[in-house]
Amino acid sequence: MKYYFCNDWPFSIKIIRCALLILFYLILVSLECSAQTDAKKPVVRIGIYHNPPKIAIDQSGKPFGFWIDLLEDFLKREELNVSYIAGTWEECLLRLAQNQIDSLPDMALSPDRAQQYIFGNEVVYLSWSYLFIKDHSAFKGLEDLQGKTIAVLKGSINYLGPEGIRNILKENRISCNFLELSSYSDVLMAVSSDLAFAGVTSKDFGQKHSKEYGLYHTPMLFSPAKLYFAFAPSSSITPYLRERLDQYLRGLKAKPDSLYYQALAKWFGESAFTTKVVIPDWLILVSLFLLIIANLFLLYSLYVRKRFKFNQLELFAKKRELETATERINSLDSKFKTTFDSLIEGVI
């Protein structure tokens, strides 16, 4: 076996150093190119407000909720950067109209809003609203709101929309005062602290947080709403975002195991997209009674059919016996006639 030794160690070390420097340089260039590529990606400005579990910001400033799950996945697929801009609902509406944000999730469509903003074609979520009060026995009907103060979210569809609380009370000729606030949390707080007799919130926010304020929702359910992504009318990225988001949502909704349905289950539970049928006890009892009657009728029918078949067989057997007896009688009659004729001939 032969061994080879390098007699020029300084020269070898120089080569290794050069190779490492070149490798390090290539890594730096690669990282810089990647950073430049990320910098060239369009930045989508998304407006968010506090309305958990649909959309909100935690204490560290990180957005979360149903809409955020969909947005994060969509932006990742499209390789887009995002900038979340937080504010009150009214501030978000104003920013969208002034092109300070590109899109605002969780927007209900109304004739007035359709003239101000651009909406996607795909419905993302269905919602409605509740009226919350402090004393559940204090509300029996709309007439109990006469002259009272009602806390509402400023600029919300359940306040100003065609089926909002203001129009409902106006159509029923009930006069009351409205306390306009910047968040649903403030709405519930106003009712809890007796600044308002009742408060209006979306179903999801109210159901999640009303107990924290010691409030009850009334039987009054109103302002059903289809919720969409809304877009700034003058933003250059709006046509692209609208088309791509519609396509993305259609694909998700077509697959039962997609992120869309996972997010619904995660943030709202199964009731958000499935209907549980509750069968009344009386219907169960009536069904059992009818089932027993049907079984008895079936047994009786089987008995009648079996009895009828038995009677048919018995009748057939008797018919055979009668035929046999008739044949014997005819045979005896024939023999008797032959014998009688022979006797007559013998006498003659």
Protein backbone atom coordinates (compact mmCIF):
# COMPACT_ATOMS: atom_id res chain seq x y z
CA MET A 1 0.00 0.00 0.00
CA LYS A 2 1.31 3.43 -0.94
CA TYR A 3 0.89 6.59 1.13
CA TYR A 4 1.10 10.08 -0.31
CA PHE A 5 1.92 13.14 1.73
CA CYS A 6 1.45 16.73 0.76
CA ASN A 7 4.65 18.56 1.29
CA ASP A 8 3.13 22.04 0.54
CA TRP A 9 0.72 22.59 3.50
CA PRO A 10 0.56 26.41 3.28
CA PHE A 11 -0.55 26.19 -0.35
CA SER A 12 -3.34 23.68 0.55
CA ILE A 13 -4.63 25.88 3.37
CA LYS A 14 -4.85 28.83 0.96
CA ILE A 15 -6.96 26.79 -1.43
CA ILE A 16 -9.34 25.75 1.38
CA ARG A 17 -9.64 29.36 2.56
CA CYS A 18 -10.44 30.55 -0.94
CA ALA A 19 -13.09 27.84 -1.34
CA LEU A 20 -14.72 28.81 1.96
CA LEU A 21 -14.69 32.50 1.02
CA ILE A 22 -16.31 31.75 -2.32
CA LEU A 23 -18.96 29.58 -0.60
CA PHE A 24 -19.65 32.29 1.98
CA TYR A 25 -19.95 34.89 -0.80
CA LEU A 26 -22.41 32.72 -2.72
CA ILE A 27 -24.55 32.29 0.42
CA LEU A 28 -24.61 36.07 0.95
CA VAL A 29 -25.58 36.68 -2.67
CA SER A 30 -28.33 34.06 -2.42
CA LEU A 31 -29.74 35.63 0.73
CA GLU A 32 -29.60 39.09 -0.78
CA CYS A 33 -31.40 37.91 -3.91
CA SER A 34 -34.04 36.25 -1.75
CA ALA A 35 -34.48 39.45 0.25
CA GLN A 36 -34.75 41.48 -2.95
CA THR A 37 -37.34 39.04 -4.26
CA ASP A 38 -39.39 39.36 -1.07
CA ALA A 39 -39.05 43.13 -1.26
CA LYS A 40 -40.42 43.11 -4.81
CA LYS A 41 -43.52 41.14 -3.77
CA PRO A 42 -46.63 43.34 -3.55
CA VAL A 43 -47.68 44.24 -0.02
CA VAL A 44 -51.39 43.70 0.58
CA ARG A 45 -52.81 46.04 3.22
CA ILE A 46 -55.54 44.32 5.25
CA GLY A 47 -57.79 46.18 7.66
CA ILE A 48 -58.65 44.37 10.90
CA TYR A 49 -60.79 45.24 13.90
CA HIS A 50 -61.73 43.57 17.18
CA ASN A 51 -64.53 41.07 16.61
CA PRO A 52 -63.44 37.66 17.91
CA PRO A 53 -63.67 34.83 17.04
CA LYS A 54 -64.01 36.07 13.46
CA ILE A 55 -61.13 38.54 13.48
CA ALA A 56 -59.07 40.21 16.22
CA ILE A 57 -55.60 41.05 17.55
CA ASP A 58 -54.00 39.48 20.61
CA GLN A 59 -52.00 41.33 23.29
CA SER A 60 -48.76 40.87 21.36
CA GLY A 61 -50.26 42.57 18.30
CA LYS A 62 -50.66 39.37 16.30
CA PRO A 63 -53.93 39.01 14.36
CA PHE A 64 -56.00 35.85 14.75
CA GLY A 65 -59.41 34.43 13.95
CA PHE A 66 -61.40 32.70 11.23
CA TRP A 67 -60.71 35.31 8.53
CA ILE A 68 -57.01 35.47 9.40
CA ASP A 69 -56.59 31.70 8.91
CA LEU A 70 -58.00 32.00 5.39
CA LEU A 71 -56.00 35.13 4.58
CA GLU A 72 -52.67 33.72 5.77
CA ASP A 73 -53.12 30.58 3.67
CA PHE A 74 -54.19 32.55 0.60
CA LEU A 75 -51.32 35.07 0.83
CA LYS A 76 -48.82 32.25 1.29
CA ARG A 77 -50.08 30.47 -1.83
CA GLU A 78 -49.98 33.69 -3.84
CA GLU A 79 -46.53 34.61 -2.45
CA LEU A 80 -47.72 38.03 -1.30
CA ASN A 81 -46.55 40.08 1.65
CA VAL A 82 -49.13 41.42 4.07
CA SER A 83 -49.48 44.46 6.28
CA TYR A 84 -52.27 44.34 8.86
CA ILE A 85 -53.67 47.75 9.78
CA ALA A 86 -55.76 47.69 12.95
CA GLY A 87 -58.49 50.12 13.92
CA THR A 88 -62.12 50.44 14.90
CA TRP A 89 -64.78 49.28 12.47
CA GLU A 90 -65.56 52.86 11.45
CA GLU A 91 -61.85 53.59 10.90
CA CYS A 92 -61.53 50.49 8.71
CA LEU A 93 -64.49 51.56 6.59
CA LEU A 94 -63.01 55.03 6.12
CA ARG A 95 -59.56 53.66 5.24
CA LEU A 96 -61.06 51.31 2.66
CA ALA A 97 -62.97 54.16 1.02
CA GLN A 98 -59.81 56.34 0.95
CA ASN A 99 -57.59 53.55 -0.45
CA GLN A 100 -55.49 53.41 2.73
CA ILE A 101 -56.10 49.64 2.88
CA ASP A 102 -56.64 47.17 0.03
CA SER A 103 -59.15 44.83 1.62
CA LEU A 104 -61.42 44.53 4.64
CA PRO A 105 -62.75 41.10 5.65
CA ASP A 106 -66.05 40.42 7.42
CA MET A 107 -68.07 42.94 5.40
CA ALA A 108 -71.84 42.56 4.97
CA LEU A 109 -73.24 43.70 1.64
CA SER A 110 -75.86 46.46 1.52
CA PRO A 111 -77.07 48.80 -1.27
CA ASP A 112 -75.12 51.75 0.20
CA ARG A 113 -71.92 49.77 0.64
CA ALA A 114 -72.18 48.34 -2.88
CA GLN A 115 -71.82 51.91 -4.18
CA GLN A 116 -68.78 52.64 -1.99
CA TYR A 117 -66.74 49.44 -2.14
CA ILE A 118 -66.04 46.46 -4.36
CA PHE A 119 -67.17 43.06 -3.06
CA GLY A 120 -66.05 39.56 -3.90
CA ASN A 121 -68.50 37.12 -5.46
CA GLU A 122 -68.02 34.36 -2.89
CA VAL A 123 -69.94 34.40 0.39
CA VAL A 124 -67.46 33.53 3.14
CA TYR A 125 -69.69 33.38 6.23
CA LEU A 126 -73.32 33.78 7.32
CA SER A 127 -74.19 35.76 10.42
CA TRP A 128 -77.00 37.53 12.24
CA SER A 129 -77.38 39.67 15.34
CA TYR A 130 -78.79 39.49 18.87
CA LEU A 131 -80.11 42.06 21.29
CA PHE A 132 -78.51 41.65 24.74
CA ILE A 133 -79.94 42.88 28.06
CA LYS A 134 -78.94 42.74 31.70
CA ASP A 135 -82.26 41.52 33.14
CA HIS A 136 -83.74 38.72 31.03
CA SER A 137 -87.23 39.35 32.45
CA ALA A 138 -87.21 43.02 31.38
CA PHE A 139 -87.78 42.28 27.68
CA LYS A 140 -90.98 40.71 26.39
CA GLY A 141 -91.31 42.54 23.08
CA LEU A 142 -90.22 45.54 21.04
CA GLU A 143 -92.52 47.82 23.04
CA ASP A 144 -90.18 47.37 26.02
CA LEU A 145 -87.55 49.36 24.09
CA GLN A 146 -89.72 52.48 23.96
CA GLY A 147 -87.74 55.46 25.27
CA LYS A 148 -84.74 53.28 26.16
CA THR A 149 -81.06 53.65 25.21
CA ILE A 150 -79.58 50.98 22.93
CA ALA A 151 -75.81 50.54 22.55
CA VAL A 152 -74.67 49.84 18.98
CA LEU A 153 -71.47 49.51 16.98
CA LYS A 154 -70.99 52.70 14.99
CA GLY A 155 -71.29 52.12 11.23
CA SER A 156 -72.34 48.47 11.58
CA ILE A 157 -74.84 46.74 9.31
CA ASN A 158 -76.91 45.55 12.28
CA TYR A 159 -77.37 49.20 13.26
CA LEU A 160 -77.70 51.11 9.98
CA GLY A 161 -78.52 48.36 7.48
CA PRO A 162 -81.94 47.79 5.86
CA GLU A 163 -82.70 45.10 8.47
CA GLY A 164 -80.75 46.78 11.26
CA ILE A 165 -82.12 47.70 14.67
CA ARG A 166 -82.72 51.35 13.71
CA ASN A 167 -85.01 50.49 10.79
CA ILE A 168 -86.80 47.75 12.72
CA LEU A 169 -87.72 50.16 15.52
CA LYS A 170 -88.63 52.90 13.06
CA GLU A 171 -91.01 50.60 11.16
CA ASN A 172 -92.67 49.66 14.45
CA ARG A 173 -92.91 53.33 15.53
CA ILE A 174 -90.76 52.81 18.60
CA SER A 175 -88.68 55.77 19.66
CA CYS A 176 -85.39 55.22 21.47
CA ASN A 177 -81.88 56.61 21.81
CA PHE A 178 -78.80 55.03 20.26
CA LEU A 179 -75.42 55.04 21.95
CA GLU A 180 -72.83 54.65 19.17
CA LEU A 181 -69.62 52.93 20.29
CA SER A 182 -66.38 51.85 18.64
CA SER A 183 -66.39 48.11 19.50
CA TYR A 184 -68.70 45.30 20.51
CA SER A 185 -66.80 45.05 23.80
CA ASP A 186 -67.82 48.63 24.55
CA VAL A 187 -71.41 47.77 23.61
CA LEU A 188 -71.62 44.93 26.14
CA MET A 189 -69.82 47.02 28.75
CA ALA A 190 -72.34 49.85 28.32
CA VAL A 191 -75.24 47.47 29.01
CA SER A 192 -73.45 45.86 31.95
CA SER A 193 -72.73 49.27 33.52
CA ASP A 194 -76.32 50.51 32.93
CA LEU A 195 -75.31 53.15 30.40
CA ALA A 196 -77.71 51.41 28.02
CA PHE A 197 -80.78 49.25 28.47
CA ALA A 198 -79.81 46.89 25.64
CA GLY A 199 -76.97 46.30 23.20
CA VAL A 200 -76.64 44.89 19.69
CA THR A 201 -73.77 42.59 18.64
CA SER A 202 -73.12 39.91 16.07
CA LYS A 203 -74.15 36.42 17.12
CA ASP A 204 -70.62 35.03 17.44
CA PHE A 205 -69.18 37.87 19.51
CA GLY A 206 -72.24 38.04 21.76
CA GLN A 207 -72.45 34.31 22.39
CA LYS A 208 -68.74 34.17 23.20
CA HIS A 209 -68.51 37.19 25.52
CA SER A 210 -71.98 38.04 26.89
CA LYS A 211 -71.57 35.87 30.00
CA GLU A 212 -68.41 37.77 30.92
CA TYR A 213 -70.59 40.87 31.31
CA GLY A 214 -73.51 39.10 32.98
CA LEU A 215 -75.85 39.63 30.02
CA TYR A 216 -78.55 37.57 28.30
CA HIS A 217 -79.58 37.56 24.67
CA THR A 218 -83.25 38.16 23.96
CA PRO A 219 -85.34 36.01 21.59
CA MET A 220 -84.93 38.84 19.08
CA LEU A 221 -82.87 37.60 16.14
CA PHE A 222 -82.41 40.03 13.23
CA SER A 223 -80.17 41.41 10.48
CA PRO A 224 -79.15 38.17 8.72
CA ALA A 225 -76.03 38.93 6.70
CA LYS A 226 -73.81 37.32 4.09
CA LEU A 227 -70.21 38.29 4.79
CA TYR A 228 -67.62 38.93 2.08
CA PHE A 229 -64.16 40.26 1.43
CA ALA A 230 -64.50 43.94 0.46
CA PHE A 231 -61.90 45.79 -1.62
CA ALA A 232 -60.81 49.38 -2.11
CA PRO A 233 -62.44 50.74 -5.29
CA SER A 234 -59.34 52.65 -6.42
CA SER A 235 -56.60 50.19 -5.44
CA SER A 236 -54.51 48.87 -8.35
CA ILE A 237 -54.34 45.41 -6.79
CA THR A 238 -58.13 45.07 -6.32
CA PRO A 239 -58.93 43.28 -9.65
CA TYR A 240 -56.20 40.72 -9.01
CA LEU A 241 -57.12 40.17 -5.34
CA ARG A 242 -60.83 39.85 -6.08
CA GLU A 243 -60.38 37.31 -8.86
CA ARG A 244 -57.79 35.21 -7.01
CA LEU A 245 -59.68 35.22 -3.69
CA ASP A 246 -62.92 34.17 -5.39
CA GLN A 247 -61.11 31.31 -7.11
CA TYR A 248 -59.39 30.34 -3.86
CA LEU A 249 -62.64 30.30 -1.86
CA ARG A 250 -64.53 28.32 -4.50
CA GLY A 251 -61.82 25.67 -4.38
CA LEU A 252 -61.92 25.46 -0.58
CA LYS A 253 -65.70 25.25 -0.32
CA ALA A 254 -65.78 22.42 -2.88
CA LYS A 255 -63.69 20.17 -0.60
CA PRO A 256 -65.30 19.03 2.70
CA ASP A 257 -61.89 18.51 4.36
CA SER A 258 -60.38 21.85 3.26
CA LEU A 259 -58.99 24.62 5.45
CA TYR A 260 -62.29 26.50 5.09
CA TYR A 261 -64.29 23.86 6.96
CA GLN A 262 -61.44 23.25 9.40
CA ALA A 263 -61.44 26.96 10.26
CA LEU A 264 -65.23 26.95 10.71
CA ALA A 265 -64.97 24.03 13.13
CA LYS A 266 -61.98 25.59 14.92
CA TRP A 267 -63.48 29.02 15.56
CA PHE A 268 -67.23 28.42 15.60
CA GLY A 269 -67.75 24.72 16.26
CA GLU A 270 -69.83 22.30 14.22
CA SER A 271 -72.97 24.42 14.57
CA ALA A 272 -71.41 26.94 12.25
CA PHE A 273 -71.84 24.74 9.21
CA THR A 274 -73.98 21.78 10.28
CA THR A 275 -77.53 21.59 11.49
CA LYS A 276 -78.36 19.28 14.37
CA VAL A 277 -81.89 17.95 14.12
CA VAL A 278 -83.65 17.60 17.47
CA ILE A 279 -86.58 15.13 17.38
CA PRO A 280 -89.36 15.95 19.89
CA ASP A 281 -90.34 13.23 22.40
CA TRP A 282 -93.96 13.26 21.24
CA LEU A 283 -92.88 12.53 17.67
CA ILE A 284 -90.84 9.55 18.88
CA LEU A 285 -93.85 8.16 20.81
CA VAL A 286 -96.20 8.65 17.85
CA SER A 287 -93.70 6.94 15.55
CA LEU A 288 -93.40 3.96 17.90
CA PHE A 289 -97.19 3.68 18.14
CA LEU A 290 -97.56 3.75 14.36
CA LEU A 291 -94.77 1.19 14.04
CA ILE A 292 -96.58 -1.17 16.46
CA ILE A 293 -99.85 -0.72 14.56
CA ALA A 294 -98.10 -1.42 11.27
CA ASN A 295 -96.52 -4.60 12.65
CA LEU A 296 -99.86 -5.81 14.00
CA PHE A 297 -101.50 -5.16 10.64
CA LEU A 298 -98.70 -7.06 8.90
CA LEU A 299 -99.08 -10.04 11.25
CA TYR A 300 -102.84 -10.05 10.72
CA SER A 301 -102.34 -9.92 6.96
CA LEU A 302 -99.94 -12.87 7.10
CA TYR A 303 -102.43 -14.80 9.23
CA VAL A 304 -105.29 -14.10 6.79
CA ARG A 305 -103.15 -15.12 3.82
CA LYS A 306 -102.06 -18.32 5.56
CA ARG A 307 -105.65 -19.11 6.59
CA PHE A 308 -106.91 -18.45 3.09
CA LYS A 309 -104.27 -20.78 1.63
CA PHE A 310 -105.16 -23.47 4.18
CA ASN A 311 -108.85 -23.16 3.29
CA GLN A 312 -107.98 -23.42 -0.39
CA LEU A 313 -106.03 -26.65 0.24
CA GLU A 314 -108.84 -28.04 2.38
CA LEU A 315 -111.39 -27.19 -0.33
CA PHE A 316 -109.20 -28.81 -2.96
CA ALA A 317 -108.90 -31.99 -0.87
CA LYS A 318 -112.67 -32.19 -0.38
CA LYS A 319 -113.14 -31.62 -4.08
CA ARG A 320 -110.82 -34.54 -4.81
CA GLU A 321 -112.74 -36.72 -2.34
CA LEU A 322 -116.00 -35.75 -4.01
CA GLU A 323 -114.60 -36.54 -7.44
CA THR A 324 -113.34 -39.92 -6.19
CA ALA A 325 -116.73 -40.71 -4.64
CA THR A 326 -118.50 -39.69 -7.85
CA GLU A 327 -116.24 -41.92 -9.90
CA ARG A 328 -116.96 -44.88 -7.56
CA ILE A 329 -120.69 -44.24 -7.74
CA ASN A 330 -120.54 -44.09 -11.53
CA SER A 331 -118.54 -47.33 -11.58
CA LEU A 332 -121.02 -49.07 -9.28
CA ASP A 333 -123.91 -47.74 -11.32
CA SER A 334 -122.33 -49.10 -14.49
CA LYS A 335 -121.76 -52.53 -12.91
CA PHE A 336 -125.29 -52.59 -11.48
CA LYS A 337 -126.72 -51.72 -14.90
CA THR A 338 -124.69 -54.47 -16.60
CA THR A 339 -125.81 -57.06 -14.01
CA PHE A 340 -129.39 -55.96 -14.24
CA ASP A 341 -129.35 -56.22 -18.05
CA SER A 342 -127.91 -59.74 -17.81
CA LEU A 343 -130.65 -60.85 -15.43
CA ILE A 344 -133.37 -59.50 -17.71
CA GLU A 345 -131.93 -61.32 -20.69
CA GLY A 346 -131.83 -64.59 -18.66
CA VAL A 347 -135.46 -64.31 -17.67
CA ILE A 348 -136.57 -63.72 -21.21
